[in-house]
Amino acid sequence: MSIEELVVEKLQKLDSEQQQQVLAFIDSLPNQQEPAKAEPSSLGKKLRELRAQIVASGEPLLSREELDREIAERRGGVSIPIAAY
């Protein structure tokens, strides 16, 4: 028996109120065929603009290690890897 058939069979055994709850639950699930794209925040948009400017200038982007090193230098030698956040 397929999943669809099992769901229909179990759904038919529920009363009207429970069927409405099942329908509401199904409607709340994200549609896998059309993944929802979150709208970037204003900070996210600004960061993307800054990155594009850096790339356009020819300046190479920092690697993860270089970024960790620069942050540590700005914090007076204290290093907390970004992956720890």
N, C-alpha and C. Protein backbone atom coordinates (compact mmCIF):
# COMPACT_ATOMS: atom_id res chain seq x y z
N MET A 1 0.85 -1.17 0.00
CA MET A 1 0.00 0.00 0.00
C MET A 1 0.89 1.24 0.00
N SER A 2 0.58 2.21 -0.82
CA SER A 2 1.38 3.43 -0.94
C SER A 2 1.13 4.36 0.25
N ILE A 3 2.01 5.31 0.43
CA ILE A 3 1.85 6.30 1.49
C ILE A 3 0.53 7.05 1.30
N GLU A 4 0.26 7.43 0.07
CA GLU A 4 -0.97 8.16 -0.21
C GLU A 4 -2.20 7.36 0.21
N GLU A 5 -2.20 6.09 -0.11
CA GLU A 5 -3.34 5.24 0.26
C GLU A 5 -3.47 5.10 1.78
N LEU A 6 -2.33 4.96 2.45
CA LEU A 6 -2.34 4.86 3.91
C LEU A 6 -2.89 6.14 4.54
N VAL A 7 -2.47 7.28 4.02
CA VAL A 7 -2.94 8.56 4.56
C VAL A 7 -4.45 8.70 4.35
N VAL A 8 -4.92 8.37 3.15
CA VAL A 8 -6.35 8.47 2.86
C VAL A 8 -7.14 7.55 3.78
N GLU A 9 -6.63 6.33 3.96
CA GLU A 9 -7.33 5.37 4.82
C GLU A 9 -7.43 5.89 6.25
N LYS A 10 -6.33 6.42 6.78
CA LYS A 10 -6.35 6.94 8.15
C LYS A 10 -7.18 8.22 8.24
N LEU A 11 -7.14 9.04 7.21
CA LEU A 11 -7.91 10.27 7.20
C LEU A 11 -9.40 9.99 7.24
N GLN A 12 -9.82 8.97 6.55
CA GLN A 12 -11.24 8.62 6.51
C GLN A 12 -11.76 8.15 7.86
N LYS A 13 -10.87 7.70 8.72
CA LYS A 13 -11.27 7.22 10.04
C LYS A 13 -11.40 8.36 11.06
N LEU A 14 -10.96 9.55 10.69
CA LEU A 14 -11.01 10.70 11.60
C LEU A 14 -12.35 11.40 11.50
N ASP A 15 -12.74 12.07 12.59
CA ASP A 15 -13.97 12.87 12.52
C ASP A 15 -13.66 14.17 11.77
N SER A 16 -14.69 14.94 11.50
CA SER A 16 -14.57 16.15 10.68
C SER A 16 -13.57 17.15 11.27
N GLU A 17 -13.61 17.35 12.59
CA GLU A 17 -12.71 18.30 13.23
C GLU A 17 -11.25 17.85 13.09
N GLN A 18 -10.99 16.57 13.28
CA GLN A 18 -9.63 16.05 13.14
C GLN A 18 -9.16 16.15 11.69
N GLN A 19 -10.06 15.93 10.74
CA GLN A 19 -9.69 16.07 9.33
C GLN A 19 -9.30 17.52 9.03
N GLN A 20 -10.02 18.47 9.62
CA GLN A 20 -9.68 19.89 9.45
C GLN A 20 -8.29 20.19 10.03
N GLN A 21 -7.96 19.57 11.17
CA GLN A 21 -6.65 19.76 11.78
C GLN A 21 -5.55 19.19 10.88
N VAL A 22 -5.82 18.03 10.30
CA VAL A 22 -4.84 17.42 9.38
C VAL A 22 -4.63 18.34 8.17
N LEU A 23 -5.72 18.86 7.63
CA LEU A 23 -5.63 19.76 6.48
C LEU A 23 -4.83 21.02 6.83
N ALA A 24 -5.09 21.58 8.00
CA ALA A 24 -4.35 22.77 8.44
C ALA A 24 -2.86 22.46 8.59
N PHE A 25 -2.55 21.27 9.12
CA PHE A 25 -1.15 20.87 9.27
C PHE A 25 -0.49 20.74 7.90
N ILE A 26 -1.16 20.08 6.97
CA ILE A 26 -0.59 19.89 5.63
C ILE A 26 -0.36 21.25 4.97
N ASP A 27 -1.30 22.17 5.13
CA ASP A 27 -1.15 23.50 4.56
C ASP A 27 0.03 24.26 5.17
N SER A 28 0.40 23.93 6.41
CA SER A 28 1.51 24.63 7.06
C SER A 28 2.88 24.11 6.62
N LEU A 29 2.92 22.96 5.96
CA LEU A 29 4.18 22.40 5.50
C LEU A 29 4.70 23.18 4.31
N PRO A 30 6.03 23.36 4.23
CA PRO A 30 6.58 24.06 3.07
C PRO A 30 6.41 23.21 1.81
N ASN A 31 6.14 23.87 0.70
CA ASN A 31 5.99 23.18 -0.57
C ASN A 31 7.38 22.84 -1.08
N GLN A 32 7.70 21.57 -1.17
CA GLN A 32 9.04 21.15 -1.58
C GLN A 32 9.33 21.44 -3.05
N GLN A 33 8.29 21.59 -3.86
CA GLN A 33 8.51 21.88 -5.27
C GLN A 33 8.89 23.34 -5.47
N GLU A 34 8.44 24.19 -4.59
CA GLU A 34 8.75 25.61 -4.65
C GLU A 34 9.32 26.05 -3.31
N PRO A 35 10.64 25.86 -3.12
CA PRO A 35 11.22 26.23 -1.83
C PRO A 35 11.08 27.72 -1.56
N ALA A 36 10.71 28.02 -0.33
CA ALA A 36 10.53 29.41 0.06
C ALA A 36 11.90 30.08 0.18
N LYS A 37 12.00 31.26 -0.42
CA LYS A 37 13.24 32.01 -0.34
C LYS A 37 13.01 33.16 0.62
N ALA A 38 13.82 33.16 1.67
CA ALA A 38 13.69 34.22 2.67
C ALA A 38 14.22 35.52 2.09
N GLU A 39 13.51 36.58 2.35
CA GLU A 39 13.94 37.90 1.90
C GLU A 39 15.13 38.32 2.74
N PRO A 40 16.25 38.69 2.11
CA PRO A 40 17.42 39.10 2.91
C PRO A 40 17.10 40.34 3.73
N SER A 41 17.67 40.40 4.91
CA SER A 41 17.49 41.57 5.77
C SER A 41 18.25 42.75 5.17
N SER A 42 18.00 43.93 5.69
CA SER A 42 18.71 45.11 5.19
C SER A 42 20.21 44.97 5.44
N LEU A 43 20.59 44.36 6.57
CA LEU A 43 22.01 44.13 6.84
C LEU A 43 22.58 43.15 5.82
N GLY A 44 21.83 42.08 5.52
CA GLY A 44 22.29 41.11 4.53
C GLY A 44 22.49 41.74 3.17
N LYS A 45 21.56 42.62 2.78
CA LYS A 45 21.68 43.31 1.49
C LYS A 45 22.93 44.20 1.48
N LYS A 46 23.14 44.93 2.57
CA LYS A 46 24.31 45.81 2.66
C LYS A 46 25.61 45.01 2.59
N LEU A 47 25.65 43.88 3.29
CA LEU A 47 26.86 43.04 3.27
C LEU A 47 27.12 42.49 1.87
N ARG A 48 26.06 42.10 1.16
CA ARG A 48 26.24 41.61 -0.22
C ARG A 48 26.76 42.72 -1.13
N GLU A 49 26.25 43.95 -0.93
CA GLU A 49 26.73 45.09 -1.72
C GLU A 49 28.21 45.35 -1.46
N LEU A 50 28.59 45.31 -0.19
CA LEU A 50 30.00 45.53 0.16
C LEU A 50 30.89 44.44 -0.43
N ARG A 51 30.44 43.19 -0.37
CA ARG A 51 31.21 42.09 -0.95
C ARG A 51 31.38 42.30 -2.44
N ALA A 52 30.30 42.70 -3.13
CA ALA A 52 30.37 42.92 -4.58
C ALA A 52 31.36 44.04 -4.90
N GLN A 53 31.39 45.08 -4.07
CA GLN A 53 32.35 46.18 -4.29
C GLN A 53 33.78 45.69 -4.11
N ILE A 54 34.02 44.86 -3.10
CA ILE A 54 35.36 44.33 -2.86
C ILE A 54 35.79 43.46 -4.04
N VAL A 55 34.91 42.58 -4.49
CA VAL A 55 35.22 41.70 -5.62
C VAL A 55 35.49 42.54 -6.87
N ALA A 56 34.66 43.56 -7.11
CA ALA A 56 34.83 44.41 -8.29
C ALA A 56 36.14 45.19 -8.25
N SER A 57 36.63 45.50 -7.05
CA SER A 57 37.87 46.25 -6.93
C SER A 57 39.10 45.39 -7.21
N GLY A 58 38.91 44.08 -7.23
CA GLY A 58 40.04 43.18 -7.46
C GLY A 58 40.71 42.73 -6.18
N GLU A 59 40.28 43.29 -5.07
CA GLU A 59 40.84 42.90 -3.77
C GLU A 59 40.41 41.46 -3.47
N PRO A 60 41.34 40.58 -3.13
CA PRO A 60 40.94 39.19 -2.84
C PRO A 60 40.19 39.11 -1.51
N LEU A 61 39.21 38.23 -1.47
CA LEU A 61 38.46 38.00 -0.24
C LEU A 61 39.32 37.21 0.73
N LEU A 62 39.09 37.40 2.02
CA LEU A 62 39.85 36.68 3.04
C LEU A 62 39.37 35.24 3.15
N SER A 63 40.32 34.34 3.42
CA SER A 63 39.96 32.95 3.73
C SER A 63 39.44 32.91 5.16
N ARG A 64 38.90 31.80 5.57
CA ARG A 64 38.40 31.64 6.93
C ARG A 64 39.53 31.89 7.94
N GLU A 65 40.71 31.35 7.66
CA GLU A 65 41.85 31.51 8.57
C GLU A 65 42.29 32.97 8.63
N GLU A 66 42.35 33.63 7.46
CA GLU A 66 42.74 35.04 7.42
C GLU A 66 41.73 35.90 8.18
N LEU A 67 40.46 35.58 8.04
CA LEU A 67 39.43 36.33 8.75
C LEU A 67 39.57 36.14 10.26
N ASP A 68 39.79 34.89 10.70
CA ASP A 68 40.00 34.61 12.13
C ASP A 68 41.20 35.39 12.66
N ARG A 69 42.29 35.43 11.87
CA ARG A 69 43.50 36.12 12.28
C ARG A 69 43.25 37.63 12.40
N GLU A 70 42.55 38.21 11.42
CA GLU A 70 42.27 39.65 11.47
C GLU A 70 41.37 40.00 12.66
N ILE A 71 40.38 39.18 12.92
CA ILE A 71 39.50 39.43 14.07
C ILE A 71 40.30 39.36 15.36
N ALA A 72 41.18 38.36 15.47
CA ALA A 72 42.01 38.23 16.67
C ALA A 72 42.90 39.46 16.85
N GLU A 73 43.48 39.96 15.76
CA GLU A 73 44.33 41.15 15.85
C GLU A 73 43.53 42.36 16.32
N ARG A 74 42.31 42.51 15.83
CA ARG A 74 41.49 43.64 16.21
C ARG A 74 41.02 43.53 17.66
N ARG A 75 41.01 42.31 18.20
CA ARG A 75 40.59 42.09 19.59
C ARG A 75 41.79 42.01 20.53
N GLY A 76 42.94 42.41 20.05
CA GLY A 76 44.12 42.41 20.89
C GLY A 76 44.72 41.03 21.10
N GLY A 77 44.59 40.17 20.12
CA GLY A 77 45.18 38.85 20.18
C GLY A 77 44.25 37.76 20.66
N VAL A 78 43.04 38.12 21.08
CA VAL A 78 42.08 37.13 21.54
C VAL A 78 41.40 36.53 20.32
N SER A 79 41.44 35.22 20.21
CA SER A 79 40.89 34.57 19.03
C SER A 79 39.76 33.61 19.41
N ILE A 80 38.60 33.85 18.83
CA ILE A 80 37.45 32.95 18.97
C ILE A 80 37.05 32.58 17.56
N PRO A 81 37.29 31.34 17.13
CA PRO A 81 36.96 30.97 15.74
C PRO A 81 35.49 31.24 15.44
N ILE A 82 35.23 31.74 14.23
CA ILE A 82 33.86 32.05 13.81
C ILE A 82 32.99 30.81 13.88
N ALA A 83 33.52 29.65 13.58
CA ALA A 83 32.73 28.42 13.60
C ALA A 83 32.16 28.15 15.00
N ALA A 84 32.74 28.75 16.02
CA ALA A 84 32.26 28.52 17.39
C ALA A 84 30.94 29.23 17.66
N TYR A 85 30.57 30.21 16.84
CA TYR A 85 29.34 30.95 17.06
C TYR A 85 28.18 30.11 16.72
